[in-house]
Amino acid sequence: MADDQLDDDMTVVPLPSSETEAEHERIRASNERDQLLEKEGKRSRHNRGYDEAVKGTSAPEPEIDHIVDE
């Protein structure tokens, strides 16, 4: 089969993505919040533990706000 025939029979299909536009915007907004907090010298709750994980040190104990007996 000639290359011309291959091109005519092929249909371009986008790769499937699990990330929707709304999800992409949510991630972007989260990253912007994290960057603003970092500029203020604060760590976001979302980023806690990342530095320790990269350095190979143990993560700090989780903070417990409230315990409920059920």
PDB file of N, CA and C in Angstrom:
ATOM      1  N   MET A   1       0.854  -1.172   0.000  1.00  0.00           N
ATOM      2  CA  MET A   1       0.000   0.000   0.000  1.00  0.00           C
ATOM      3  C   MET A   1       0.897   1.231   0.000  1.00  0.00           C
ATOM      4  N   ALA A   2       0.583   2.198  -0.806  1.00  0.00           N
ATOM      5  CA  ALA A   2       1.373   3.414  -0.899  1.00  0.00           C
ATOM      6  C   ALA A   2       1.091   4.317   0.305  1.00  0.00           C
ATOM      7  N   ASP A   3       2.047   5.186   0.598  1.00  0.00           N
ATOM      8  CA  ASP A   3       1.887   6.107   1.731  1.00  0.00           C
ATOM      9  C   ASP A   3       0.678   7.017   1.559  1.00  0.00           C
ATOM     10  N   ASP A   4       0.359   7.372   0.310  1.00  0.00           N
ATOM     11  CA  ASP A   4      -0.803   8.228   0.056  1.00  0.00           C
ATOM     12  C   ASP A   4      -2.086   7.556   0.529  1.00  0.00           C
ATOM     13  N   GLN A   5      -2.196   6.263   0.285  1.00  0.00           N
ATOM     14  CA  GLN A   5      -3.392   5.536   0.692  1.00  0.00           C
ATOM     15  C   GLN A   5      -3.467   5.417   2.211  1.00  0.00           C
ATOM     16  N   LEU A   6      -2.343   5.232   2.870  1.00  0.00           N
ATOM     17  CA  LEU A   6      -2.338   5.154   4.330  1.00  0.00           C
ATOM     18  C   LEU A   6      -2.849   6.459   4.935  1.00  0.00           C
ATOM     19  N   ASP A   7      -2.379   7.590   4.403  1.00  0.00           N
ATOM     20  CA  ASP A   7      -2.799   8.889   4.926  1.00  0.00           C
ATOM     21  C   ASP A   7      -4.291   9.112   4.746  1.00  0.00           C
ATOM     22  N   ASP A   8      -4.848   8.662   3.619  1.00  0.00           N
ATOM     23  CA  ASP A   8      -6.269   8.852   3.354  1.00  0.00           C
ATOM     24  C   ASP A   8      -7.136   8.022   4.291  1.00  0.00           C
ATOM     25  N   ASP A   9      -6.659   6.852   4.703  1.00  0.00           N
ATOM     26  CA  ASP A   9      -7.451   5.955   5.534  1.00  0.00           C
ATOM     27  C   ASP A   9      -7.332   6.250   7.035  1.00  0.00           C
ATOM     28  N   MET A  10      -6.419   7.112   7.394  1.00  0.00           N
ATOM     29  CA  MET A  10      -6.168   7.360   8.820  1.00  0.00           C
ATOM     30  C   MET A  10      -7.020   8.519   9.328  1.00  0.00           C
ATOM     31  N   THR A  11      -7.516   8.369  10.536  1.00  0.00           N
ATOM     32  CA  THR A  11      -8.276   9.414  11.198  1.00  0.00           C
ATOM     33  C   THR A  11      -7.520   9.826  12.452  1.00  0.00           C
ATOM     34  N   VAL A  12      -7.353  11.113  12.637  1.00  0.00           N
ATOM     35  CA  VAL A  12      -6.661  11.619  13.821  1.00  0.00           C
ATOM     36  C   VAL A  12      -7.629  11.592  14.990  1.00  0.00           C
ATOM     37  N   VAL A  13      -7.218  10.929  16.052  1.00  0.00           N
ATOM     38  CA  VAL A  13      -8.045  10.814  17.249  1.00  0.00           C
ATOM     39  C   VAL A  13      -7.223  11.352  18.425  1.00  0.00           C
ATOM     40  N   PRO A  14      -7.772  12.303  19.188  1.00  0.00           N
ATOM     41  CA  PRO A  14      -6.998  12.827  20.320  1.00  0.00           C
ATOM     42  C   PRO A  14      -6.787  11.751  21.382  1.00  0.00           C
ATOM     43  N   LEU A  15      -5.660  11.828  22.066  1.00  0.00           N
ATOM     44  CA  LEU A  15      -5.397  10.892  23.143  1.00  0.00           C
ATOM     45  C   LEU A  15      -6.404  11.100  24.262  1.00  0.00           C
ATOM     46  N   PRO A  16      -6.886  10.032  24.852  1.00  0.00           N
ATOM     47  CA  PRO A  16      -7.835  10.195  25.957  1.00  0.00           C
ATOM     48  C   PRO A  16      -7.138  10.843  27.143  1.00  0.00           C
ATOM     49  N   SER A  17      -7.862  11.660  27.842  1.00  0.00           N
ATOM     50  CA  SER A  17      -7.302  12.346  29.001  1.00  0.00           C
ATOM     51  C   SER A  17      -8.275  12.221  30.149  1.00  0.00           C
ATOM     52  N   SER A  18      -7.743  11.921  31.306  1.00  0.00           N
ATOM     53  CA  SER A  18      -8.600  11.821  32.481  1.00  0.00           C
ATOM     54  C   SER A  18      -8.809  13.199  33.102  1.00  0.00           C
ATOM     55  N   GLU A  19      -8.120  14.192  32.586  1.00  0.00           N
ATOM     56  CA  GLU A  19      -8.200  15.536  33.151  1.00  0.00           C
ATOM     57  C   GLU A  19      -9.101  16.412  32.279  1.00  0.00           C
ATOM     58  N   THR A  20     -10.215  16.848  32.840  1.00  0.00           N
ATOM     59  CA  THR A  20     -11.126  17.721  32.112  1.00  0.00           C
ATOM     60  C   THR A  20     -10.637  19.161  32.239  1.00  0.00           C
ATOM     61  N   GLU A  21     -11.221  20.038  31.478  1.00  0.00           N
ATOM     62  CA  GLU A  21     -10.854  21.463  31.563  1.00  0.00           C
ATOM     63  C   GLU A  21     -11.139  22.007  32.964  1.00  0.00           C
ATOM     64  N   ALA A  22     -12.266  21.597  33.558  1.00  0.00           N
ATOM     65  CA  ALA A  22     -12.602  22.054  34.913  1.00  0.00           C
ATOM     66  C   ALA A  22     -11.558  21.571  35.922  1.00  0.00           C
ATOM     67  N   GLU A  23     -11.124  20.325  35.768  1.00  0.00           N
ATOM     68  CA  GLU A  23     -10.098  19.782  36.660  1.00  0.00           C
ATOM     69  C   GLU A  23      -8.778  20.521  36.464  1.00  0.00           C
ATOM     70  N   HIS A  24      -8.453  20.825  35.226  1.00  0.00           N
ATOM     71  CA  HIS A  24      -7.228  21.565  34.930  1.00  0.00           C
ATOM     72  C   HIS A  24      -7.261  22.944  35.607  1.00  0.00           C
ATOM     73  N   GLU A  25      -8.385  23.623  35.538  1.00  0.00           N
ATOM     74  CA  GLU A  25      -8.522  24.942  36.176  1.00  0.00           C
ATOM     75  C   GLU A  25      -8.439  24.830  37.703  1.00  0.00           C
ATOM     76  N   ARG A  26      -9.017  23.772  38.272  1.00  0.00           N
ATOM     77  CA  ARG A  26      -8.959  23.578  39.717  1.00  0.00           C
ATOM     78  C   ARG A  26      -7.517  23.385  40.170  1.00  0.00           C
ATOM     79  N   ILE A  27      -6.765  22.604  39.411  1.00  0.00           N
ATOM     80  CA  ILE A  27      -5.356  22.366  39.736  1.00  0.00           C
ATOM     81  C   ILE A  27      -4.562  23.663  39.618  1.00  0.00           C
ATOM     82  N   ARG A  28      -4.812  24.425  38.570  1.00  0.00           N
ATOM     83  CA  ARG A  28      -4.111  25.691  38.380  1.00  0.00           C
ATOM     84  C   ARG A  28      -4.398  26.650  39.535  1.00  0.00           C
ATOM     85  N   ALA A  29      -5.657  26.747  39.952  1.00  0.00           N
ATOM     86  CA  ALA A  29      -6.017  27.631  41.063  1.00  0.00           C
ATOM     87  C   ALA A  29      -5.350  27.173  42.355  1.00  0.00           C
ATOM     88  N   SER A  30      -5.298  25.876  42.577  1.00  0.00           N
ATOM     89  CA  SER A  30      -4.654  25.330  43.765  1.00  0.00           C
ATOM     90  C   SER A  30      -3.169  25.663  43.770  1.00  0.00           C
ATOM     91  N   ASN A  31      -2.523  25.524  42.627  1.00  0.00           N
ATOM     92  CA  ASN A  31      -1.103  25.848  42.522  1.00  0.00           C
ATOM     93  C   ASN A  31      -0.849  27.325  42.781  1.00  0.00           C
ATOM     94  N   GLU A  32      -1.741  28.189  42.279  1.00  0.00           N
ATOM     95  CA  GLU A  32      -1.587  29.628  42.499  1.00  0.00           C
ATOM     96  C   GLU A  32      -1.728  29.967  43.982  1.00  0.00           C
ATOM     97  N   ARG A  33      -2.689  29.331  44.680  1.00  0.00           N
ATOM     98  CA  ARG A  33      -2.840  29.547  46.124  1.00  0.00           C
ATOM     99  C   ARG A  33      -1.589  29.109  46.874  1.00  0.00           C
ATOM    100  N   ASP A  34      -1.072  27.947  46.505  1.00  0.00           N
ATOM    101  CA  ASP A  34       0.145  27.429  47.147  1.00  0.00           C
ATOM    102  C   ASP A  34       1.316  28.385  46.946  1.00  0.00           C
ATOM    103  N   GLN A  35       1.452  28.945  45.742  1.00  0.00           N
ATOM    104  CA  GLN A  35       2.547  29.864  45.462  1.00  0.00           C
ATOM    105  C   GLN A  35       2.406  31.158  46.254  1.00  0.00           C
ATOM    106  N   LEU A  36       1.181  31.664  46.389  1.00  0.00           N
ATOM    107  CA  LEU A  36       0.967  32.882  47.172  1.00  0.00           C
ATOM    108  C   LEU A  36       1.321  32.658  48.637  1.00  0.00           C
ATOM    109  N   LEU A  37       0.901  31.522  49.192  1.00  0.00           N
ATOM    110  CA  LEU A  37       1.240  31.209  50.573  1.00  0.00           C
ATOM    111  C   LEU A  37       2.745  31.080  50.756  1.00  0.00           C
ATOM    112  N   GLU A  38       3.404  30.470  49.785  1.00  0.00           N
ATOM    113  CA  GLU A  38       4.855  30.298  49.862  1.00  0.00           C
ATOM    114  C   GLU A  38       5.560  31.651  49.867  1.00  0.00           C
ATOM    115  N   LYS A  39       5.065  32.596  49.066  1.00  0.00           N
ATOM    116  CA  LYS A  39       5.642  33.941  49.049  1.00  0.00           C
ATOM    117  C   LYS A  39       5.491  34.627  50.394  1.00  0.00           C
ATOM    118  N   GLU A  40       4.429  34.289  51.131  1.00  0.00           N
ATOM    119  CA  GLU A  40       4.187  34.857  52.461  1.00  0.00           C
ATOM    120  C   GLU A  40       4.951  34.099  53.546  1.00  0.00           C
ATOM    121  N   GLY A  41       5.695  33.077  53.149  1.00  0.00           N
ATOM    122  CA  GLY A  41       6.458  32.294  54.109  1.00  0.00           C
ATOM    123  C   GLY A  41       5.649  31.225  54.814  1.00  0.00           C
ATOM    124  N   LYS A  42       4.494  30.883  54.258  1.00  0.00           N
ATOM    125  CA  LYS A  42       3.629  29.876  54.866  1.00  0.00           C
ATOM    126  C   LYS A  42       3.597  28.638  53.980  1.00  0.00           C
ATOM    127  N   ARG A  43       3.315  27.487  54.585  1.00  0.00           N
ATOM    128  CA  ARG A  43       3.131  26.260  53.806  1.00  0.00           C
ATOM    129  C   ARG A  43       1.646  25.939  53.752  1.00  0.00           C
ATOM    130  N   SER A  44       1.189  25.581  52.589  1.00  0.00           N
ATOM    131  CA  SER A  44      -0.215  25.212  52.462  1.00  0.00           C
ATOM    132  C   SER A  44      -0.428  23.818  53.026  1.00  0.00           C
ATOM    133  N   ARG A  45      -1.638  23.550  53.460  1.00  0.00           N
ATOM    134  CA  ARG A  45      -1.977  22.218  53.968  1.00  0.00           C
ATOM    135  C   ARG A  45      -1.711  21.169  52.894  1.00  0.00           C
ATOM    136  N   HIS A  46      -2.000  21.534  51.656  1.00  0.00           N
ATOM    137  CA  HIS A  46      -1.818  20.633  50.520  1.00  0.00           C
ATOM    138  C   HIS A  46      -0.357  20.210  50.358  1.00  0.00           C
ATOM    139  N   ASN A  47       0.590  21.118  50.621  1.00  0.00           N
ATOM    140  CA  ASN A  47       2.001  20.837  50.379  1.00  0.00           C
ATOM    141  C   ASN A  47       2.746  20.305  51.595  1.00  0.00           C
ATOM    142  N   ARG A  48       2.102  20.215  52.750  1.00  0.00           N
ATOM    143  CA  ARG A  48       2.783  19.698  53.930  1.00  0.00           C
ATOM    144  C   ARG A  48       3.276  18.285  53.670  1.00  0.00           C
ATOM    145  N   GLY A  49       4.492  18.022  54.043  1.00  0.00           N
ATOM    146  CA  GLY A  49       5.038  16.687  53.905  1.00  0.00           C
ATOM    147  C   GLY A  49       5.801  16.457  52.623  1.00  0.00           C
ATOM    148  N   TYR A  50       5.625  17.303  51.605  1.00  0.00           N
ATOM    149  CA  TYR A  50       6.346  17.106  50.355  1.00  0.00           C
ATOM    150  C   TYR A  50       7.850  17.249  50.554  1.00  0.00           C
ATOM    151  N   ASP A  51       8.261  18.300  51.286  1.00  0.00           N
ATOM    152  CA  ASP A  51       9.689  18.511  51.500  1.00  0.00           C
ATOM    153  C   ASP A  51      10.305  17.337  52.251  1.00  0.00           C
ATOM    154  N   GLU A  52       9.588  16.862  53.263  1.00  0.00           N
ATOM    155  CA  GLU A  52      10.098  15.736  54.035  1.00  0.00           C
ATOM    156  C   GLU A  52      10.203  14.487  53.171  1.00  0.00           C
ATOM    157  N   ALA A  53       9.242  14.288  52.308  1.00  0.00           N
ATOM    158  CA  ALA A  53       9.252  13.110  51.446  1.00  0.00           C
ATOM    159  C   ALA A  53      10.436  13.161  50.476  1.00  0.00           C
ATOM    160  N   VAL A  54      10.713  14.339  49.950  1.00  0.00           N
ATOM    161  CA  VAL A  54      11.823  14.489  49.016  1.00  0.00           C
ATOM    162  C   VAL A  54      13.150  14.269  49.731  1.00  0.00           C
ATOM    163  N   LYS A  55      13.257  14.800  50.952  1.00  0.00           N
ATOM    164  CA  LYS A  55      14.499  14.666  51.715  1.00  0.00           C
ATOM    165  C   LYS A  55      14.641  13.275  52.322  1.00  0.00           C
ATOM    166  N   GLY A  56      13.560  12.529  52.383  1.00  0.00           N
ATOM    167  CA  GLY A  56      13.606  11.201  52.965  1.00  0.00           C
ATOM    168  C   GLY A  56      13.456  11.217  54.474  1.00  0.00           C
ATOM    169  N   THR A  57      13.057  12.347  55.022  1.00  0.00           N
ATOM    170  CA  THR A  57      12.838  12.419  56.466  1.00  0.00           C
ATOM    171  C   THR A  57      11.403  12.059  56.769  1.00  0.00           C
ATOM    172  N   SER A  58      11.146  11.745  58.007  1.00  0.00           N
ATOM    173  CA  SER A  58       9.783  11.353  58.372  1.00  0.00           C
ATOM    174  C   SER A  58       8.861  12.572  58.365  1.00  0.00           C
ATOM    175  N   ALA A  59       7.646  12.316  58.032  1.00  0.00           N
ATOM    176  CA  ALA A  59       6.637  13.367  58.008  1.00  0.00           C
ATOM    177  C   ALA A  59       6.224  13.697  59.437  1.00  0.00           C
ATOM    178  N   PRO A  60       5.842  14.957  59.680  1.00  0.00           N
ATOM    179  CA  PRO A  60       5.399  15.322  61.020  1.00  0.00           C
ATOM    180  C   PRO A  60       4.098  14.613  61.382  1.00  0.00           C
ATOM    181  N   GLU A  61       3.848  14.495  62.659  1.00  0.00           N
ATOM    182  CA  GLU A  61       2.606  13.882  63.120  1.00  0.00           C
ATOM    183  C   GLU A  61       1.424  14.689  62.604  1.00  0.00           C
ATOM    184  N   PRO A  62       0.355  14.029  62.222  1.00  0.00           N
ATOM    185  CA  PRO A  62      -0.826  14.761  61.736  1.00  0.00           C
ATOM    186  C   PRO A  62      -1.460  15.559  62.867  1.00  0.00           C
ATOM    187  N   GLU A  63      -2.024  16.694  62.511  1.00  0.00           N
ATOM    188  CA  GLU A  63      -2.723  17.522  63.491  1.00  0.00           C
ATOM    189  C   GLU A  63      -4.167  17.021  63.595  1.00  0.00           C
ATOM    190  N   ILE A  64      -4.615  16.785  64.816  1.00  0.00           N
ATOM    191  CA  ILE A  64      -5.980  16.316  65.045  1.00  0.00           C
ATOM    192  C   ILE A  64      -6.774  17.487  65.593  1.00  0.00           C
ATOM    193  N   ASP A  65      -7.836  17.861  64.895  1.00  0.00           N
ATOM    194  CA  ASP A  65      -8.661  18.978  65.326  1.00  0.00           C
ATOM    195  C   ASP A  65      -9.757  18.536  66.293  1.00  0.00           C
ATOM    196  N   HIS A  66     -10.344  17.388  66.015  1.00  0.00           N
ATOM    197  CA  HIS A  66     -11.507  16.997  66.789  1.00  0.00           C
ATOM    198  C   HIS A  66     -11.687  15.479  66.690  1.00  0.00           C
ATOM    199  N   ILE A  67     -11.971  14.852  67.806  1.00  0.00           N
ATOM    200  CA  ILE A  67     -12.228  13.426  67.824  1.00  0.00           C
ATOM    201  C   ILE A  67     -13.696  13.220  68.181  1.00  0.00           C
ATOM    202  N   VAL A  68     -14.344  12.357  67.424  1.00  0.00           N
ATOM    203  CA  VAL A  68     -15.779  12.112  67.634  1.00  0.00           C
ATOM    204  C   VAL A  68     -15.953  10.644  68.019  1.00  0.00           C
ATOM    205  N   ASP A  69     -16.658  10.384  69.124  1.00  0.00           N
ATOM    206  CA  ASP A  69     -17.008   9.022  69.514  1.00  0.00           C
ATOM    207  C   ASP A  69     -18.318   8.656  68.829  1.00  0.00           C
ATOM    208  N   GLU A  70     -18.315   7.526  68.178  1.00  0.00           N
ATOM    209  CA  GLU A  70     -19.553   7.080  67.515  1.00  0.00           C
ATOM    210  C   GLU A  70     -19.956   5.742  68.051  1.00  0.00           C
TER     211      GLU A  70
END
